[in-house]
Protein backbone atom coordinates (compact mmCIF):
# COMPACT_ATOMS: atom_id res chain seq x y z
CA UNK A 1 -15.39 -51.05 11.36
CA UNK A 2 -17.40 -52.19 14.86
CA UNK A 3 -18.23 -49.98 17.55
CA UNK A 4 -15.80 -52.05 19.93
CA UNK A 5 -13.30 -49.63 17.47
CA UNK A 6 -14.69 -46.60 19.28
CA UNK A 7 -15.53 -47.64 22.00
CA UNK A 8 -11.84 -47.04 23.82
CA UNK A 9 -10.96 -43.57 21.84
CA UNK A 10 -10.96 -41.15 24.86
CA UNK A 11 -12.89 -38.22 22.88
CA UNK A 12 -16.37 -40.39 22.19
CA UNK A 13 -15.90 -41.93 26.40
CA UNK A 14 -19.60 -42.04 28.32
CA UNK A 15 -21.11 -42.70 24.80
CA UNK A 16 -23.26 -45.23 25.05
CA UNK A 17 -23.67 -48.41 22.41
CA UNK A 18 -26.68 -46.93 20.73
CA UNK A 19 -24.47 -43.56 20.24
CA UNK A 20 -21.30 -44.99 19.09
CA UNK A 21 -23.50 -47.14 16.81
CA UNK A 22 -24.87 -43.43 15.41
CA UNK A 23 -21.75 -42.19 15.24
CA UNK A 24 -20.47 -45.13 13.31
CA UNK A 25 -22.94 -44.92 10.90
CA UNK A 26 -22.29 -41.12 10.24
CA UNK A 27 -19.16 -41.97 9.18
CA UNK A 28 -15.92 -43.76 7.25
CA UNK A 29 -13.11 -45.57 8.06
CA UNK A 30 -9.91 -44.22 6.21
CA UNK A 31 -6.45 -45.80 5.48
CA UNK A 32 -4.21 -44.09 4.49
CA UNK A 33 -0.07 -44.63 3.81
CA UNK A 34 2.55 -42.49 4.98
CA UNK A 35 2.94 -39.67 2.96
CA UNK A 36 -0.66 -39.07 2.06
CA UNK A 37 -2.79 -35.65 2.52
CA UNK A 38 -6.03 -36.45 4.21
CA UNK A 39 -6.83 -32.40 4.19
CA UNK A 40 -5.05 -29.34 3.24
CA UNK A 41 -4.51 -25.89 5.59
CA UNK A 42 -7.59 -23.03 4.57
CA UNK A 43 -9.93 -25.35 2.67
CA UNK A 44 -13.19 -25.75 4.48
CA UNK A 45 -13.46 -27.81 8.09
CA UNK A 46 -16.30 -30.09 6.25
CA UNK A 47 -15.27 -33.24 8.12
CA UNK A 48 -14.15 -34.55 11.54
CA UNK A 49 -11.00 -36.75 11.72
CA UNK A 50 -9.86 -38.93 14.65
CA UNK A 51 -7.10 -40.94 14.99
CA UNK A 52 -7.62 -45.35 15.28
CA UNK A 53 -4.02 -45.82 14.15
CA UNK A 54 -0.59 -44.48 13.11
CA UNK A 55 0.71 -41.26 13.28
CA UNK A 56 -0.57 -37.60 11.25
CA UNK A 57 1.32 -35.12 11.62
CA UNK A 58 -0.53 -31.39 11.14
CA UNK A 59 1.76 -29.04 8.94
CA UNK A 60 2.05 -25.17 8.56
CA UNK A 61 3.68 -23.43 5.23
CA UNK A 62 5.61 -20.75 6.63
CA UNK A 63 6.66 -18.79 3.70
CA UNK A 64 9.39 -20.27 1.35
CA UNK A 65 11.19 -22.61 3.93
CA UNK A 66 9.92 -25.85 4.20
CA UNK A 67 6.05 -26.69 6.27
CA UNK A 68 6.61 -26.57 10.19
CA UNK A 69 5.11 -29.52 11.75
CA UNK A 70 2.74 -27.83 14.44
CA UNK A 71 1.02 -30.80 16.34
CA UNK A 72 1.81 -34.60 15.95
CA UNK A 73 -1.50 -37.47 16.24
CA UNK A 74 0.63 -40.09 17.61
CA UNK A 75 -2.69 -40.99 19.93
CA UNK A 76 -5.87 -43.01 19.08
CA UNK A 77 -8.41 -40.31 19.98
CA UNK A 78 -7.13 -37.59 18.63
CA UNK A 79 -8.46 -35.27 16.32
CA UNK A 80 -8.50 -32.41 14.26
CA UNK A 81 -11.11 -29.99 11.86
CA UNK A 82 -15.11 -30.92 12.03
CA UNK A 83 -15.01 -26.86 13.25
CA UNK A 84 -18.35 -26.55 10.07
CA UNK A 85 -20.49 -28.03 12.77
CA UNK A 86 -20.02 -24.69 15.00
CA UNK A 87 -19.30 -22.10 12.30
CA UNK A 88 -19.95 -22.38 8.51
CA UNK A 89 -17.10 -20.29 7.73
CA UNK A 90 -14.34 -21.80 9.65
CA UNK A 91 -11.69 -23.80 7.36
CA UNK A 92 -8.68 -26.54 8.74
CA UNK A 93 -5.83 -24.45 10.14
CA UNK A 94 -2.93 -26.74 9.20
CA UNK A 95 -2.66 -29.29 6.55
CA UNK A 96 -3.08 -33.60 7.93
CA UNK A 97 0.16 -35.31 6.57
CA UNK A 98 0.67 -39.24 7.16
CA UNK A 99 3.78 -40.13 8.75
CA UNK A 100 3.52 -43.47 8.92
CA UNK A 101 0.31 -46.36 7.68
CA UNK A 102 -2.26 -46.14 9.37
CA UNK A 103 -6.28 -45.47 10.11
CA UNK A 104 -8.69 -42.24 10.88
CA UNK A 105 -12.66 -42.20 11.48
CA UNK A 106 -14.06 -39.29 9.09
CA UNK A 107 -17.08 -38.09 10.00
CA UNK A 108 -19.03 -35.27 8.30
CA UNK A 109 -18.73 -31.85 10.04
CA UNK A 110 -22.96 -31.15 9.66
CA UNK A 111 -23.37 -35.07 11.64
CA UNK A 112 -21.36 -34.03 13.84
CA UNK A 113 -23.38 -31.48 14.72
CA UNK A 114 -26.35 -32.75 14.48
CA UNK A 115 -25.90 -35.54 17.04
CA UNK A 116 -24.23 -32.88 19.51
CA UNK A 117 -27.73 -30.81 19.24
CA UNK A 118 -29.14 -34.10 19.97
CA UNK A 119 -27.07 -35.09 22.94
CA UNK A 120 -25.33 -32.69 24.69
CA UNK A 121 -27.50 -29.59 23.64
CA UNK A 122 -26.11 -26.89 26.75
CA UNK A 123 -22.46 -27.89 25.58
CA UNK A 124 -23.10 -27.15 21.97
CA UNK A 125 -24.25 -23.55 22.84
CA UNK A 126 -21.50 -22.89 24.58
CA UNK A 127 -19.29 -23.84 21.71
CA UNK A 128 -21.07 -22.24 19.26
CA UNK A 129 -21.31 -18.97 21.48
CA UNK A 130 -17.60 -19.43 21.62
CA UNK A 131 -17.11 -19.71 17.96
CA UNK A 132 -19.36 -16.75 17.84
CA UNK A 133 -17.47 -14.60 20.24
CA UNK A 134 -14.30 -15.16 19.11
CA UNK A 135 -15.26 -14.29 15.31
CA UNK A 136 -17.05 -11.01 16.76
CA UNK A 137 -14.24 -9.82 18.26
CA UNK A 138 -11.95 -10.37 15.50
CA UNK A 139 -14.90 -8.52 13.16
CA UNK A 140 -15.03 -5.74 15.23
CA UNK A 141 -11.04 -5.49 16.16
CA UNK A 142 -10.39 -5.46 12.43
CA UNK A 143 -13.34 -2.88 11.70
CA UNK A 144 -11.82 -0.85 14.52
CA UNK A 145 -8.41 -1.35 13.36
CA UNK A 146 -9.01 -0.54 9.93
CA UNK A 147 -11.07 3.27 10.39
CA UNK A 148 -8.49 4.48 12.45
CA UNK A 149 -6.09 3.18 9.02
CA UNK A 150 -8.34 4.62 6.95
CA UNK A 151 -8.15 8.25 9.63
CA UNK A 152 -4.32 8.06 9.29
CA UNK A 153 -4.81 7.33 5.93
CA UNK A 154 -7.02 10.21 4.89
CA UNK A 155 -5.12 12.86 6.90
CA UNK A 156 -2.12 12.06 4.99
CA UNK A 157 -4.03 12.45 1.68
CA UNK A 158 -5.05 15.47 2.48
CA UNK A 159 -2.45 17.11 3.52
CA UNK A 160 -0.73 16.26 0.34
CA UNK A 161 -4.21 16.67 -1.68
CA UNK A 162 -4.11 20.51 0.14
CA UNK A 163 -0.15 21.63 -0.71
CA UNK A 164 -1.22 21.82 -4.35
CA UNK A 165 -4.30 23.47 -3.93
CA UNK A 166 -2.65 25.95 -1.81
CA UNK A 167 -0.42 26.49 -4.41
CA UNK A 168 -3.30 26.64 -6.94
CA UNK A 169 -5.05 29.12 -4.68
CA UNK A 170 -2.33 31.41 -4.52
CA UNK A 171 -1.37 31.12 -7.94
CA UNK A 172 -4.89 32.24 -9.02
CA UNK A 173 -4.72 35.34 -6.66
CA UNK A 174 -1.68 36.24 -8.19
CA UNK A 175 -2.62 35.30 -11.49
CA UNK A 176 -5.35 38.80 -11.20
CA UNK A 177 -2.18 41.10 -10.12
CA UNK A 178 -0.05 39.99 -12.62
CA UNK A 179 -2.72 40.71 -15.33
CA UNK A 180 -3.79 44.13 -14.03
CA UNK A 181 -0.17 45.27 -14.39
CA UNK A 182 -0.23 43.51 -18.23
CA UNK A 183 -2.63 45.49 -19.30
CA UNK A 184 -1.86 48.75 -17.49
CA UNK A 185 1.47 48.75 -19.49
CA UNK A 186 -0.52 48.16 -23.13
CA UNK A 187 -2.27 50.73 -21.67
CA UNK A 188 0.54 53.24 -21.37
CA UNK A 189 2.38 51.64 -24.52
CA UNK A 190 -0.74 52.98 -26.52
CA UNK A 191 -0.63 56.22 -24.42
CA UNK A 192 2.56 56.36 -25.39
CA UNK A 193 2.58 55.97 -29.36
CA UNK A 194 4.96 52.92 -29.14
CA UNK A 195 5.48 51.85 -33.31
CA UNK A 196 3.88 48.68 -34.51
CA UNK A 197 7.14 47.75 -35.49
CA UNK A 198 8.78 47.94 -32.21
CA UNK A 199 5.93 46.25 -30.50
CA UNK A 200 6.91 43.38 -32.95
CA UNK A 201 10.64 43.88 -32.27
CA UNK A 202 10.16 43.72 -28.50
CA UNK A 203 8.00 40.59 -28.32
CA UNK A 204 10.75 39.02 -30.24
CA UNK A 205 13.23 39.74 -27.67
CA UNK A 206 9.68 38.44 -25.02
CA UNK A 207 10.06 35.06 -26.91
CA UNK A 208 13.53 34.71 -25.98
CA UNK A 209 12.92 34.12 -22.45
CA UNK A 210 12.62 30.51 -21.57
CA UNK A 211 10.16 30.16 -18.86
CA UNK A 212 10.36 26.55 -18.32
CA UNK A 213 10.53 25.90 -14.59
CA UNK A 214 14.21 24.43 -13.18
CA UNK A 215 16.16 24.35 -10.53
CA UNK A 216 18.55 27.50 -9.96
CA UNK A 217 20.44 28.74 -7.14
CA UNK A 218 19.05 31.03 -5.11
CA UNK A 219 22.25 33.28 -4.77
CA UNK A 220 22.74 33.73 -8.37
CA UNK A 221 19.14 34.54 -8.56
CA UNK A 222 20.12 37.18 -6.24
CA UNK A 223 22.66 38.27 -7.67
CA UNK A 224 21.08 38.89 -10.98
CA UNK A 225 18.34 40.17 -9.55
CA UNK A 226 20.64 43.04 -8.26
CA UNK A 227 22.10 43.61 -11.74
CA UNK A 228 18.90 44.19 -13.08
CA UNK A 229 17.90 46.49 -10.59
CA UNK A 230 20.99 48.50 -10.68
CA UNK A 231 20.38 49.28 -14.46
CA UNK A 232 16.96 49.57 -14.21
CA UNK A 233 17.23 52.41 -11.47
CA UNK A 234 20.20 54.00 -13.56
CA UNK A 235 17.55 54.15 -17.04
CA UNK A 236 15.35 56.07 -14.56
CA UNK A 237 13.18 52.92 -14.28
CA UNK A 238 10.85 53.85 -11.51
CA UNK A 239 9.49 50.06 -10.89
CA UNK A 240 12.73 48.23 -10.87
CA UNK A 241 11.37 46.15 -7.66
CA UNK A 242 8.44 44.89 -9.75
CA UNK A 243 10.23 44.14 -12.91
CA UNK A 244 13.53 42.73 -11.99
CA UNK A 245 12.29 39.41 -10.13
CA UNK A 246 10.52 37.67 -12.76
CA UNK A 247 12.91 38.46 -15.14
CA UNK A 248 15.67 37.61 -12.87
CA UNK A 249 14.75 34.26 -12.18
CA UNK A 250 13.59 32.99 -15.99
CA UNK A 251 17.84 34.43 -16.28
CA UNK A 252 17.18 37.61 -18.13
CA UNK A 253 20.85 39.43 -18.39
CA UNK A 254 22.34 42.73 -18.68
CA UNK A 255 22.40 41.97 -22.68
CA UNK A 256 18.98 41.47 -23.43
CA UNK A 257 18.30 44.59 -21.32
CA UNK A 258 20.25 46.97 -23.65
CA UNK A 259 18.67 45.68 -26.89
CA UNK A 260 15.40 45.87 -25.24
CA UNK A 261 16.82 49.50 -24.60
CA UNK A 262 17.57 49.81 -28.43
CA UNK A 263 14.07 48.79 -28.79
CA UNK A 264 12.53 50.61 -26.52
CA UNK A 265 13.02 54.86 -26.81
CA UNK A 266 12.16 57.26 -24.70
CA UNK A 267 9.47 57.05 -22.25
CA UNK A 268 8.31 53.85 -23.52
CA UNK A 269 11.00 51.78 -22.03
CA UNK A 270 9.41 51.35 -18.05
CA UNK A 271 6.10 50.54 -19.68
CA UNK A 272 8.10 47.89 -22.27
CA UNK A 273 9.99 46.39 -19.71
CA UNK A 274 6.56 45.87 -17.63
CA UNK A 275 4.67 44.43 -19.87
CA UNK A 276 7.75 42.01 -20.82
CA UNK A 277 8.05 41.12 -16.75
CA UNK A 278 3.32 40.92 -16.73
CA UNK A 279 3.95 38.13 -19.19
CA UNK A 280 6.97 36.06 -17.98
CA UNK A 281 4.78 36.61 -14.29
CA UNK A 282 1.52 34.98 -16.32
CA UNK A 283 3.49 32.35 -17.83
CA UNK A 284 5.10 31.17 -14.54
CA UNK A 285 2.10 31.48 -12.61
CA UNK A 286 -0.03 29.45 -15.03
CA UNK A 287 2.70 26.99 -15.05
CA UNK A 288 2.48 26.58 -11.33
CA UNK A 289 -1.11 26.24 -11.45
CA UNK A 290 -0.91 23.64 -14.54
CA UNK A 291 1.52 21.65 -12.33
CA UNK A 292 -0.32 21.91 -8.74
CA UNK A 293 -3.80 20.92 -10.62
CA UNK A 294 -1.33 18.08 -12.25
CA UNK A 295 -0.48 16.50 -8.99
CA UNK A 296 -4.02 16.79 -7.32
CA UNK A 297 -4.69 14.53 -10.72
CA UNK A 298 -2.12 12.57 -9.84
CA UNK A 299 -2.86 12.20 -5.85
CA UNK A 300 -6.71 10.87 -7.53
CA UNK A 301 -5.33 8.62 -9.85
CA UNK A 302 -3.10 7.20 -6.73
CA UNK A 303 -6.14 6.74 -4.77
CA UNK A 304 -8.42 5.27 -7.49
CA UNK A 305 -5.62 2.55 -7.83
CA UNK A 306 -5.31 1.77 -4.43
CA UNK A 307 -8.83 1.60 -3.83
CA UNK A 308 -9.64 -0.54 -6.87
CA UNK A 309 -13.38 0.65 -6.74
CA UNK A 310 -14.00 0.83 -10.27
CA UNK A 311 -12.07 -2.59 -11.16
CA UNK A 312 -13.68 -6.00 -11.17
CA UNK A 313 -12.18 -8.39 -7.72
CA UNK A 314 -9.87 -11.07 -9.91
CA UNK A 315 -8.27 -9.35 -12.99
CA UNK A 316 -4.49 -9.50 -14.42
CA UNK A 317 -3.17 -6.47 -12.55
CA UNK A 318 0.82 -5.03 -12.40
CA UNK A 319 2.09 -5.40 -8.82
CA UNK A 320 4.37 -2.30 -9.13
CA UNK A 321 1.33 -0.17 -9.77
CA UNK A 322 -0.17 -1.28 -6.49
CA UNK A 323 3.12 -0.54 -4.76
CA UNK A 324 3.52 2.69 -6.45
CA UNK A 325 0.10 4.05 -5.12
CA UNK A 326 0.53 2.53 -1.84
CA UNK A 327 4.12 4.91 -1.31
CA UNK A 328 1.51 7.84 -2.77
CA UNK A 329 -0.91 7.44 0.33
CA UNK A 330 2.31 7.01 2.56
CA UNK A 331 4.03 10.03 1.88
CA UNK A 332 3.51 11.88 4.70
CA UNK A 333 4.14 9.15 6.50
CA UNK A 334 7.70 8.53 4.64
CA UNK A 335 8.57 12.33 4.93
CA UNK A 336 12.10 13.17 4.14
CA UNK A 337 13.85 10.86 6.34
CA UNK A 338 13.07 7.52 4.48
CA UNK A 339 14.84 7.01 1.44
CA UNK A 340 13.17 4.71 -0.97
CA UNK A 341 15.20 2.66 -3.29
CA UNK A 342 13.05 0.65 -5.75
CA UNK A 343 14.89 -2.43 -7.70
CA UNK A 344 11.82 -3.60 -9.94
CA UNK A 345 13.23 -5.94 -12.76
CA UNK A 346 12.34 -5.35 -16.01
CA UNK A 347 9.39 -6.62 -17.88
CA UNK A 348 8.12 -8.01 -15.15
CA UNK A 349 4.35 -9.70 -16.01
CA UNK A 350 1.34 -9.45 -14.84
CA UNK A 351 -0.03 -11.64 -12.19
CA UNK A 352 -3.83 -12.32 -11.17
CA UNK A 353 -5.03 -10.91 -8.03
CA UNK A 354 -7.62 -8.82 -6.31
CA UNK A 355 -5.95 -5.44 -6.40
CA UNK A 356 -7.63 -4.32 -3.34
CA UNK A 357 -6.19 -6.83 -0.92
CA UNK A 358 -2.70 -6.94 -2.21
CA UNK A 359 -3.07 -2.93 -2.14
CA UNK A 360 -3.60 -4.31 1.64
CA UNK A 361 -0.58 -5.96 2.45
CA UNK A 362 1.92 -3.67 0.86
CA UNK A 363 0.12 -0.82 3.26
CA UNK A 364 0.76 -2.95 5.94
CA UNK A 365 4.53 -4.22 5.23
CA UNK A 366 5.18 -0.51 4.06
CA UNK A 367 3.90 1.09 7.02
CA UNK A 368 5.42 -1.41 9.70
CA UNK A 369 8.90 -0.90 8.08
CA UNK A 370 8.94 2.73 8.48
CA UNK A 371 7.47 2.44 12.02
CA UNK A 372 10.52 0.02 12.04
CA UNK A 373 13.02 2.65 11.19
CA UNK A 374 11.60 5.16 13.68
CA UNK A 375 11.14 7.57 10.41
CA UNK A 376 14.94 6.95 9.63
CA UNK A 377 16.37 4.72 6.93
CA UNK A 378 16.34 3.19 3.85
CA UNK A 379 13.28 1.45 2.54
CA UNK A 380 13.87 -1.23 -0.32
CA UNK A 381 11.35 -2.75 -2.35
CA UNK A 382 12.24 -5.10 -4.74
CA UNK A 383 9.82 -6.55 -7.53
CA UNK A 384 11.44 -9.97 -9.78
CA UNK A 385 10.27 -13.57 -11.23
CA UNK A 386 11.82 -16.98 -9.54
CA UNK A 387 10.37 -19.72 -11.42
CA UNK A 388 6.54 -19.82 -10.99
CA UNK A 389 6.14 -16.96 -8.72
CA UNK A 390 6.43 -13.34 -8.56
CA UNK A 391 8.19 -12.12 -5.55
CA UNK A 392 8.09 -8.78 -3.82
CA UNK A 393 10.30 -7.79 -0.66
CA UNK A 394 10.18 -5.55 1.40
CA UNK A 395 13.09 -4.19 3.61
CA UNK A 396 13.94 -2.07 5.86
CA UNK A 397 17.33 -0.97 8.20
CA UNK A 398 15.69 -0.61 11.26
CA UNK A 399 16.61 -2.77 14.57
CA UNK A 400 15.29 -6.33 13.63
CA UNK A 401 12.73 -8.28 14.94
CA UNK A 402 13.88 -10.44 18.18
CA UNK A 403 13.30 -13.94 17.82
CA UNK A 404 10.27 -14.34 20.07
CA UNK A 405 8.57 -11.82 17.47
CA UNK A 406 9.34 -12.88 14.49
CA UNK A 407 8.08 -16.69 16.18
CA UNK A 408 4.71 -15.18 16.51
CA UNK A 409 4.16 -12.65 13.74
CA UNK A 410 2.04 -14.12 11.98
CA UNK A 411 -0.49 -15.21 15.07
CA UNK A 412 -4.17 -13.39 15.01
CA UNK A 413 -4.17 -10.43 17.59
CA UNK A 414 -0.56 -10.08 17.98
CA UNK A 415 1.08 -6.95 17.88
CA UNK A 416 3.53 -4.92 19.24
CA UNK A 417 2.61 -1.62 18.70
CA UNK A 418 0.52 0.85 21.07
CA UNK A 419 -2.84 0.81 20.40
CA UNK A 420 -4.14 3.03 17.11
CA UNK A 421 -0.26 2.82 16.30
CA UNK A 422 -0.30 1.39 12.62
CA UNK A 423 -2.67 0.05 10.01
CA UNK A 424 -4.26 -1.92 12.00
CA UNK A 425 -4.16 -4.93 9.16
CA UNK A 426 -1.81 -7.42 11.03
CA UNK A 427 0.51 -9.74 9.47
CA UNK A 428 -1.64 -12.51 9.79
CA UNK A 429 -4.43 -11.21 8.20
CA UNK A 430 -1.51 -10.21 5.31
CA UNK A 431 -0.83 -13.91 5.54
CA UNK A 432 -4.42 -14.80 5.19
CA UNK A 433 -5.23 -12.47 1.99
CA UNK A 434 -1.27 -13.90 0.51
CA UNK A 435 -1.77 -17.32 1.02
CA UNK A 436 -5.79 -18.16 1.46
CA UNK A 437 -6.79 -15.23 -1.62
CA UNK A 438 -4.09 -15.82 -3.66
CA UNK A 439 -2.09 -19.13 -3.00
CA UNK A 440 0.94 -17.17 -2.40
CA UNK A 441 3.54 -17.56 0.75
CA UNK A 442 5.02 -15.11 2.74
CA UNK A 443 8.00 -14.72 5.25
CA UNK A 444 10.20 -12.97 7.52
CA UNK A 445 13.91 -12.87 7.56
CA UNK A 446 15.50 -10.26 10.26
CA UNK A 447 18.55 -9.53 11.77
CA UNK A 448 19.68 -6.07 12.99
CA UNK A 449 19.52 -3.11 10.72
CA UNK A 450 18.24 -5.49 7.74
CA UNK A 451 14.62 -7.40 7.77
CA UNK A 452 13.13 -8.59 4.84
CA UNK A 453 9.40 -9.60 4.26
CA UNK A 454 8.58 -11.44 1.43
CA UNK A 455 5.63 -12.77 -0.61
CA UNK A 456 5.76 -14.68 -3.29
CA UNK A 457 2.84 -14.58 -5.73
CA UNK A 458 2.21 -17.53 -8.52
CA UNK A 459 2.21 -16.75 -11.85
CA UNK A 460 -0.55 -17.50 -14.26
CA UNK A 461 -0.33 -20.33 -15.94
CA UNK A 462 1.10 -21.07 -19.24
């Protein structure tokens, strides 16, 4: 290859013969045939490629669809890559695939940076400033939106924890009164000399009562409470309003009361029934405390699973576990208007992934789906195996994406949401996590009433 091969390239216009010679010495001529891949999307852009002859397509992968040609290099002097000359973290934006046989000039990005700084220092400062400004804006924007997303999730989590915590606090306060009444009734039974064998019989009747929380018809419970109160009033029990409610809630009927009356004679009827009601109330309140604290514990486990703070970056994970923890984190936003339909295939394999990053993707996709439905509709999450990939689909019944929005959905900084709305994690970042970080694919299919975002993640080899 000679200097004359470079002299006619418009991208090198204005260089002297000595400068062209330095460029020639720093690079190599690369011959290619149709179908050859010269560099790959997402790989570090460590080389600068200039077309000399032939035609090269720059293509990008769009989900499970065929790669899309973003640009065709068919004019000598057109170039691609070389970004490491200005920014050491930059990658190729597309895959270069030869459409015909031809030649390219390939120069290391480091060498391009050296000669550029020597010949055009001001221009290099401008280029580096452009790269740094865009990257800084990208970083600041992502940090700000991440803080907004964190605040939204924190508010939802606080709401979720507040409900069981408040329920537990109320139950503890009620337990104090219940225990006082229980002890008072025992003192009265002792003062009125209830025989031990009669107390044993009363305790046997108490054990027949099932205090396990079960759904009940409120009207049926109210009718039963009124019936028991009437019986108590007829037997001169003064605290009917305190005894009847807890026993009616557990399904106690008049037959049980009649058997209890046979055991409790004279003035021991009222304290005996009060003791049973106190025990039942105490057991019920303890069950409420247990359920409330269990819910808090489950929320803490969900947060731990969601954040993955205590796990290594790459590991074998169950994808559905991350999806479920994400649903817990977004439960407040789901509200009562969104029905969640899960379609998880049985015996799903684990995959190698960074769970924290994938949970960010699930958060973004589910949050977008909820927004698209305006808080009312059906959210369908499907997980299955197709070939050598695990396929996750997040579908919603919202208005759908217009073609112009769907075509730009994976562009950096593109969003249709108002400022401060949503997670701040755009589909471009979701695509980078899936495609660059996990060698997967993400695609969108949308029509009114049916939008599906599909994520394909590779299964472990072997």
